[in-house]
Amino acid sequence: MSVETTETQAIDRTRDAHVAAPNRSDANGWAAAFTDDGVQMPPNFPANVGRDDIRAWSRSVPGSFRRKVLAGS
């Protein structure tokens, strides 16, 4: 298996986990898909920087995990 294939598979797994988390109402899983210094830019809210801020925001916003997120191809 090539390095490119392995990296592509890792990206696919991360994307799948990132998409599945809000569909399961899983703020921890959502935050885990970001790096420690990752930035989430939710619409109509200030940016969240880092997993802790992303997790806290995800837990605090009513309805933030009550929708269907679809993965693009």
PDB file of N, CA and C in Angstrom:
ATOM      1  N   MET A   1       0.853  -1.173   0.000  1.00  0.00           N
ATOM      2  CA  MET A   1       0.000   0.000   0.000  1.00  0.00           C
ATOM      3  C   MET A   1       0.898   1.235   0.000  1.00  0.00           C
ATOM      4  N   SER A   2       0.574   2.194  -0.834  1.00  0.00           N
ATOM      5  CA  SER A   2       1.399   3.389  -0.950  1.00  0.00           C
ATOM      6  C   SER A   2       1.142   4.363   0.204  1.00  0.00           C
ATOM      7  N   VAL A   3       2.086   5.251   0.413  1.00  0.00           N
ATOM      8  CA  VAL A   3       1.934   6.289   1.436  1.00  0.00           C
ATOM      9  C   VAL A   3       0.720   7.151   1.104  1.00  0.00           C
ATOM     10  N   GLU A   4       0.547   7.455  -0.166  1.00  0.00           N
ATOM     11  CA  GLU A   4      -0.588   8.282  -0.585  1.00  0.00           C
ATOM     12  C   GLU A   4      -1.909   7.610  -0.229  1.00  0.00           C
ATOM     13  N   THR A   5      -2.010   6.302  -0.476  1.00  0.00           N
ATOM     14  CA  THR A   5      -3.227   5.574  -0.142  1.00  0.00           C
ATOM     15  C   THR A   5      -3.466   5.586   1.357  1.00  0.00           C
ATOM     16  N   THR A   6      -2.426   5.345   2.140  1.00  0.00           N
ATOM     17  CA  THR A   6      -2.547   5.341   3.598  1.00  0.00           C
ATOM     18  C   THR A   6      -2.984   6.713   4.103  1.00  0.00           C
ATOM     19  N   GLU A   7      -2.390   7.773   3.578  1.00  0.00           N
ATOM     20  CA  GLU A   7      -2.766   9.125   3.997  1.00  0.00           C
ATOM     21  C   GLU A   7      -4.201   9.445   3.597  1.00  0.00           C
ATOM     22  N   THR A   8      -4.603   9.041   2.415  1.00  0.00           N
ATOM     23  CA  THR A   8      -5.972   9.276   1.960  1.00  0.00           C
ATOM     24  C   THR A   8      -6.958   8.542   2.857  1.00  0.00           C
ATOM     25  N   GLN A   9      -6.630   7.326   3.245  1.00  0.00           N
ATOM     26  CA  GLN A   9      -7.506   6.571   4.138  1.00  0.00           C
ATOM     27  C   GLN A   9      -7.612   7.247   5.508  1.00  0.00           C
ATOM     28  N   ALA A  10      -6.512   7.768   6.012  1.00  0.00           N
ATOM     29  CA  ALA A  10      -6.530   8.464   7.300  1.00  0.00           C
ATOM     30  C   ALA A  10      -7.396   9.726   7.216  1.00  0.00           C
ATOM     31  N   ILE A  11      -7.295  10.448   6.121  1.00  0.00           N
ATOM     32  CA  ILE A  11      -8.127  11.642   5.918  1.00  0.00           C
ATOM     33  C   ILE A  11      -9.593  11.239   5.852  1.00  0.00           C
ATOM     34  N   ASP A  12      -9.902  10.172   5.137  1.00  0.00           N
ATOM     35  CA  ASP A  12     -11.279   9.696   5.035  1.00  0.00           C
ATOM     36  C   ASP A  12     -11.833   9.319   6.406  1.00  0.00           C
ATOM     37  N   ARG A  13     -11.033   8.638   7.227  1.00  0.00           N
ATOM     38  CA  ARG A  13     -11.489   8.240   8.571  1.00  0.00           C
ATOM     39  C   ARG A  13     -11.756   9.470   9.438  1.00  0.00           C
ATOM     40  N   THR A  14     -10.875  10.458   9.356  1.00  0.00           N
ATOM     41  CA  THR A  14     -11.058  11.681  10.141  1.00  0.00           C
ATOM     42  C   THR A  14     -12.318  12.414   9.699  1.00  0.00           C
ATOM     43  N   ARG A  15     -12.504  12.555   8.390  1.00  0.00           N
ATOM     44  CA  ARG A  15     -13.706  13.224   7.874  1.00  0.00           C
ATOM     45  C   ARG A  15     -14.968  12.478   8.290  1.00  0.00           C
ATOM     46  N   ASP A  16     -14.953  11.154   8.185  1.00  0.00           N
ATOM     47  CA  ASP A  16     -16.126  10.364   8.567  1.00  0.00           C
ATOM     48  C   ASP A  16     -16.460  10.543  10.046  1.00  0.00           C
ATOM     49  N   ALA A  17     -15.438  10.559  10.901  1.00  0.00           N
ATOM     50  CA  ALA A  17     -15.663  10.755  12.337  1.00  0.00           C
ATOM     51  C   ALA A  17     -16.187  12.165  12.601  1.00  0.00           C
ATOM     52  N   HIS A  18     -15.655  13.148  11.887  1.00  0.00           N
ATOM     53  CA  HIS A  18     -16.061  14.540  12.050  1.00  0.00           C
ATOM     54  C   HIS A  18     -17.525  14.722  11.645  1.00  0.00           C
ATOM     55  N   VAL A  19     -17.950  14.053  10.609  1.00  0.00           N
ATOM     56  CA  VAL A  19     -19.330  14.142  10.130  1.00  0.00           C
ATOM     57  C   VAL A  19     -20.267  13.337  11.034  1.00  0.00           C
ATOM     58  N   ALA A  20     -19.821  12.199  11.517  1.00  0.00           N
ATOM     59  CA  ALA A  20     -20.677  11.338  12.350  1.00  0.00           C
ATOM     60  C   ALA A  20     -20.954  11.949  13.720  1.00  0.00           C
ATOM     61  N   ALA A  21     -20.008  12.693  14.267  1.00  0.00           N
ATOM     62  CA  ALA A  21     -20.146  13.215  15.633  1.00  0.00           C
ATOM     63  C   ALA A  21     -21.412  14.047  15.839  1.00  0.00           C
ATOM     64  N   PRO A  22     -21.682  15.071  15.023  1.00  0.00           N
ATOM     65  CA  PRO A  22     -22.909  15.839  15.279  1.00  0.00           C
ATOM     66  C   PRO A  22     -24.171  15.022  15.035  1.00  0.00           C
ATOM     67  N   ASN A  23     -24.096  14.044  14.159  1.00  0.00           N
ATOM     68  CA  ASN A  23     -25.254  13.187  13.915  1.00  0.00           C
ATOM     69  C   ASN A  23     -25.554  12.293  15.113  1.00  0.00           C
ATOM     70  N   ARG A  24     -24.548  12.112  15.998  1.00  0.00           N
ATOM     71  CA  ARG A  24     -24.728  11.344  17.231  1.00  0.00           C
ATOM     72  C   ARG A  24     -24.854  12.252  18.447  1.00  0.00           C
ATOM     73  N   SER A  25     -24.924  13.553  18.225  1.00  0.00           N
ATOM     74  CA  SER A  25     -24.935  14.538  19.319  1.00  0.00           C
ATOM     75  C   SER A  25     -23.706  14.379  20.198  1.00  0.00           C
ATOM     76  N   ASP A  26     -22.544  14.202  19.589  1.00  0.00           N
ATOM     77  CA  ASP A  26     -21.297  13.900  20.285  1.00  0.00           C
ATOM     78  C   ASP A  26     -20.317  15.073  20.183  1.00  0.00           C
ATOM     79  N   ALA A  27     -20.420  16.003  21.153  1.00  0.00           N
ATOM     80  CA  ALA A  27     -19.540  17.170  21.146  1.00  0.00           C
ATOM     81  C   ALA A  27     -18.086  16.768  21.340  1.00  0.00           C
ATOM     82  N   ASN A  28     -17.827  15.736  22.139  1.00  0.00           N
ATOM     83  CA  ASN A  28     -16.450  15.277  22.345  1.00  0.00           C
ATOM     84  C   ASN A  28     -15.860  14.724  21.052  1.00  0.00           C
ATOM     85  N   GLY A  29     -16.632  13.938  20.341  1.00  0.00           N
ATOM     86  CA  GLY A  29     -16.168  13.392  19.066  1.00  0.00           C
ATOM     87  C   GLY A  29     -15.923  14.475  18.041  1.00  0.00           C
ATOM     88  N   TRP A  30     -16.782  15.490  18.041  1.00  0.00           N
ATOM     89  CA  TRP A  30     -16.616  16.619  17.128  1.00  0.00           C
ATOM     90  C   TRP A  30     -15.302  17.334  17.426  1.00  0.00           C
ATOM     91  N   ALA A  31     -15.074  17.641  18.701  1.00  0.00           N
ATOM     92  CA  ALA A  31     -13.859  18.355  19.096  1.00  0.00           C
ATOM     93  C   ALA A  31     -12.610  17.518  18.827  1.00  0.00           C
ATOM     94  N   ALA A  32     -12.719  16.213  18.971  1.00  0.00           N
ATOM     95  CA  ALA A  32     -11.571  15.332  18.763  1.00  0.00           C
ATOM     96  C   ALA A  32     -11.071  15.355  17.321  1.00  0.00           C
ATOM     97  N   ALA A  33     -11.917  15.744  16.404  1.00  0.00           N
ATOM     98  CA  ALA A  33     -11.512  15.792  14.997  1.00  0.00           C
ATOM     99  C   ALA A  33     -10.624  17.001  14.692  1.00  0.00           C
ATOM    100  N   PHE A  34     -10.511  17.925  15.650  1.00  0.00           N
ATOM    101  CA  PHE A  34      -9.666  19.103  15.484  1.00  0.00           C
ATOM    102  C   PHE A  34      -8.321  18.883  16.166  1.00  0.00           C
ATOM    103  N   THR A  35      -7.298  19.570  15.700  1.00  0.00           N
ATOM    104  CA  THR A  35      -6.006  19.553  16.379  1.00  0.00           C
ATOM    105  C   THR A  35      -6.103  20.429  17.626  1.00  0.00           C
ATOM    106  N   ASP A  36      -5.088  20.344  18.488  1.00  0.00           N
ATOM    107  CA  ASP A  36      -5.097  21.140  19.714  1.00  0.00           C
ATOM    108  C   ASP A  36      -5.226  22.633  19.447  1.00  0.00           C
ATOM    109  N   ASP A  37      -4.710  23.081  18.302  1.00  0.00           N
ATOM    110  CA  ASP A  37      -4.802  24.498  17.965  1.00  0.00           C
ATOM    111  C   ASP A  37      -5.746  24.746  16.783  1.00  0.00           C
ATOM    112  N   GLY A  38      -6.636  23.786  16.545  1.00  0.00           N
ATOM    113  CA  GLY A  38      -7.588  23.915  15.444  1.00  0.00           C
ATOM    114  C   GLY A  38      -8.535  25.081  15.643  1.00  0.00           C
ATOM    115  N   VAL A  39      -9.097  25.557  14.552  1.00  0.00           N
ATOM    116  CA  VAL A  39     -10.020  26.689  14.603  1.00  0.00           C
ATOM    117  C   VAL A  39     -11.343  26.265  13.983  1.00  0.00           C
ATOM    118  N   GLN A  40     -12.410  26.487  14.729  1.00  0.00           N
ATOM    119  CA  GLN A  40     -13.767  26.249  14.237  1.00  0.00           C
ATOM    120  C   GLN A  40     -14.392  27.621  14.030  1.00  0.00           C
ATOM    121  N   MET A  41     -14.992  27.817  12.864  1.00  0.00           N
ATOM    122  CA  MET A  41     -15.595  29.113  12.560  1.00  0.00           C
ATOM    123  C   MET A  41     -17.088  28.929  12.301  1.00  0.00           C
ATOM    124  N   PRO A  42     -17.860  28.820  13.387  1.00  0.00           N
ATOM    125  CA  PRO A  42     -19.305  28.630  13.206  1.00  0.00           C
ATOM    126  C   PRO A  42     -19.960  29.901  12.682  1.00  0.00           C
ATOM    127  N   PRO A  43     -20.996  29.756  11.866  1.00  0.00           N
ATOM    128  CA  PRO A  43     -21.662  30.940  11.336  1.00  0.00           C
ATOM    129  C   PRO A  43     -22.306  31.754  12.467  1.00  0.00           C
ATOM    130  N   ASN A  44     -22.176  33.053  12.370  1.00  0.00           N
ATOM    131  CA  ASN A  44     -22.794  34.000  13.300  1.00  0.00           C
ATOM    132  C   ASN A  44     -22.260  33.897  14.729  1.00  0.00           C
ATOM    133  N   PHE A  45     -21.087  33.317  14.908  1.00  0.00           N
ATOM    134  CA  PHE A  45     -20.426  33.230  16.212  1.00  0.00           C
ATOM    135  C   PHE A  45     -18.948  33.541  16.008  1.00  0.00           C
ATOM    136  N   PRO A  46     -18.271  33.975  17.062  1.00  0.00           N
ATOM    137  CA  PRO A  46     -16.821  34.162  16.939  1.00  0.00           C
ATOM    138  C   PRO A  46     -16.115  32.812  16.769  1.00  0.00           C
ATOM    139  N   ALA A  47     -14.916  32.872  16.246  1.00  0.00           N
ATOM    140  CA  ALA A  47     -14.126  31.645  16.058  1.00  0.00           C
ATOM    141  C   ALA A  47     -13.806  31.006  17.404  1.00  0.00           C
ATOM    142  N   ASN A  48     -13.758  29.686  17.416  1.00  0.00           N
ATOM    143  CA  ASN A  48     -13.329  28.911  18.574  1.00  0.00           C
ATOM    144  C   ASN A  48     -11.954  28.345  18.254  1.00  0.00           C
ATOM    145  N   VAL A  49     -11.001  28.559  19.143  1.00  0.00           N
ATOM    146  CA  VAL A  49      -9.631  28.121  18.903  1.00  0.00           C
ATOM    147  C   VAL A  49      -9.259  27.056  19.926  1.00  0.00           C
ATOM    148  N   GLY A  50      -8.893  25.879  19.425  1.00  0.00           N
ATOM    149  CA  GLY A  50      -8.480  24.773  20.278  1.00  0.00           C
ATOM    150  C   GLY A  50      -9.629  23.847  20.640  1.00  0.00           C
ATOM    151  N   ARG A  51      -9.289  22.595  20.912  1.00  0.00           N
ATOM    152  CA  ARG A  51     -10.306  21.585  21.215  1.00  0.00           C
ATOM    153  C   ARG A  51     -11.203  21.957  22.388  1.00  0.00           C
ATOM    154  N   ASP A  52     -10.605  22.518  23.442  1.00  0.00           N
ATOM    155  CA  ASP A  52     -11.406  22.848  24.626  1.00  0.00           C
ATOM    156  C   ASP A  52     -12.476  23.883  24.300  1.00  0.00           C
ATOM    157  N   ASP A  53     -12.106  24.932  23.568  1.00  0.00           N
ATOM    158  CA  ASP A  53     -13.088  25.951  23.184  1.00  0.00           C
ATOM    159  C   ASP A  53     -14.135  25.383  22.228  1.00  0.00           C
ATOM    160  N   ILE A  54     -13.695  24.563  21.295  1.00  0.00           N
ATOM    161  CA  ILE A  54     -14.626  23.951  20.335  1.00  0.00           C
ATOM    162  C   ILE A  54     -15.611  23.054  21.073  1.00  0.00           C
ATOM    163  N   ARG A  55     -15.120  22.241  21.993  1.00  0.00           N
ATOM    164  CA  ARG A  55     -15.984  21.354  22.776  1.00  0.00           C
ATOM    165  C   ARG A  55     -16.973  22.170  23.617  1.00  0.00           C
ATOM    166  N   ALA A  56     -16.472  23.195  24.291  1.00  0.00           N
ATOM    167  CA  ALA A  56     -17.333  24.032  25.139  1.00  0.00           C
ATOM    168  C   ALA A  56     -18.424  24.709  24.314  1.00  0.00           C
ATOM    169  N   TRP A  57     -18.054  25.263  23.169  1.00  0.00           N
ATOM    170  CA  TRP A  57     -19.051  25.901  22.314  1.00  0.00           C
ATOM    171  C   TRP A  57     -20.095  24.885  21.848  1.00  0.00           C
ATOM    172  N   SER A  58     -19.622  23.723  21.428  1.00  0.00           N
ATOM    173  CA  SER A  58     -20.520  22.696  20.909  1.00  0.00           C
ATOM    174  C   SER A  58     -21.530  22.241  21.956  1.00  0.00           C
ATOM    175  N   ARG A  59     -21.105  22.211  23.196  1.00  0.00           N
ATOM    176  CA  ARG A  59     -22.009  21.823  24.285  1.00  0.00           C
ATOM    177  C   ARG A  59     -22.953  22.950  24.680  1.00  0.00           C
ATOM    178  N   SER A  60     -22.558  24.193  24.455  1.00  0.00           N
ATOM    179  CA  SER A  60     -23.336  25.329  24.957  1.00  0.00           C
ATOM    180  C   SER A  60     -24.392  25.851  23.991  1.00  0.00           C
ATOM    181  N   VAL A  61     -24.240  25.574  22.721  1.00  0.00           N
ATOM    182  CA  VAL A  61     -25.156  26.132  21.731  1.00  0.00           C
ATOM    183  C   VAL A  61     -26.334  25.184  21.534  1.00  0.00           C
ATOM    184  N   PRO A  62     -27.515  25.608  21.959  1.00  0.00           N
ATOM    185  CA  PRO A  62     -28.684  24.728  21.788  1.00  0.00           C
ATOM    186  C   PRO A  62     -28.890  24.354  20.329  1.00  0.00           C
ATOM    187  N   GLY A  63     -29.082  23.088  20.092  1.00  0.00           N
ATOM    188  CA  GLY A  63     -29.353  22.606  18.749  1.00  0.00           C
ATOM    189  C   GLY A  63     -28.139  22.446  17.863  1.00  0.00           C
ATOM    190  N   SER A  64     -26.931  22.721  18.399  1.00  0.00           N
ATOM    191  CA  SER A  64     -25.756  22.642  17.533  1.00  0.00           C
ATOM    192  C   SER A  64     -25.485  21.227  17.051  1.00  0.00           C
ATOM    193  N   PHE A  65     -26.014  20.246  17.753  1.00  0.00           N
ATOM    194  CA  PHE A  65     -25.819  18.857  17.344  1.00  0.00           C
ATOM    195  C   PHE A  65     -27.140  18.147  17.130  1.00  0.00           C
ATOM    196  N   ARG A  66     -28.119  18.879  16.632  1.00  0.00           N
ATOM    197  CA  ARG A  66     -29.418  18.274  16.343  1.00  0.00           C
ATOM    198  C   ARG A  66     -29.763  18.443  14.871  1.00  0.00           C
ATOM    199  N   ARG A  67     -28.811  18.123  14.036  1.00  0.00           N
ATOM    200  CA  ARG A  67     -29.049  18.222  12.608  1.00  0.00           C
ATOM    201  C   ARG A  67     -28.295  17.115  11.885  1.00  0.00           C
ATOM    202  N   LYS A  68     -28.638  16.916  10.685  1.00  0.00           N
ATOM    203  CA  LYS A  68     -27.993  15.899   9.876  1.00  0.00           C
ATOM    204  C   LYS A  68     -26.877  16.545   9.080  1.00  0.00           C
ATOM    205  N   VAL A  69     -25.665  16.057   9.294  1.00  0.00           N
ATOM    206  CA  VAL A  69     -24.514  16.536   8.542  1.00  0.00           C
ATOM    207  C   VAL A  69     -24.171  15.471   7.510  1.00  0.00           C
ATOM    208  N   LEU A  70     -24.011  15.881   6.281  1.00  0.00           N
ATOM    209  CA  LEU A  70     -23.713  14.943   5.198  1.00  0.00           C
ATOM    210  C   LEU A  70     -22.289  15.154   4.721  1.00  0.00           C
ATOM    211  N   ALA A  71     -21.606  14.063   4.468  1.00  0.00           N
ATOM    212  CA  ALA A  71     -20.223  14.138   3.968  1.00  0.00           C
ATOM    213  C   ALA A  71     -20.272  14.354   2.461  1.00  0.00           C
ATOM    214  N   GLY A  72     -19.366  15.193   1.994  1.00  0.00           N
ATOM    215  CA  GLY A  72     -19.216  15.377   0.556  1.00  0.00           C
ATOM    216  C   GLY A  72     -18.250  14.336   0.017  1.00  0.00           C
ATOM    217  N   SER A  73     -18.250  14.136  -1.263  1.00  0.00           N
ATOM    218  CA  SER A  73     -17.311  13.159  -1.821  1.00  0.00           C
ATOM    219  C   SER A  73     -16.101  13.852  -2.369  1.00  0.00           C
TER     220      SER A  73
END
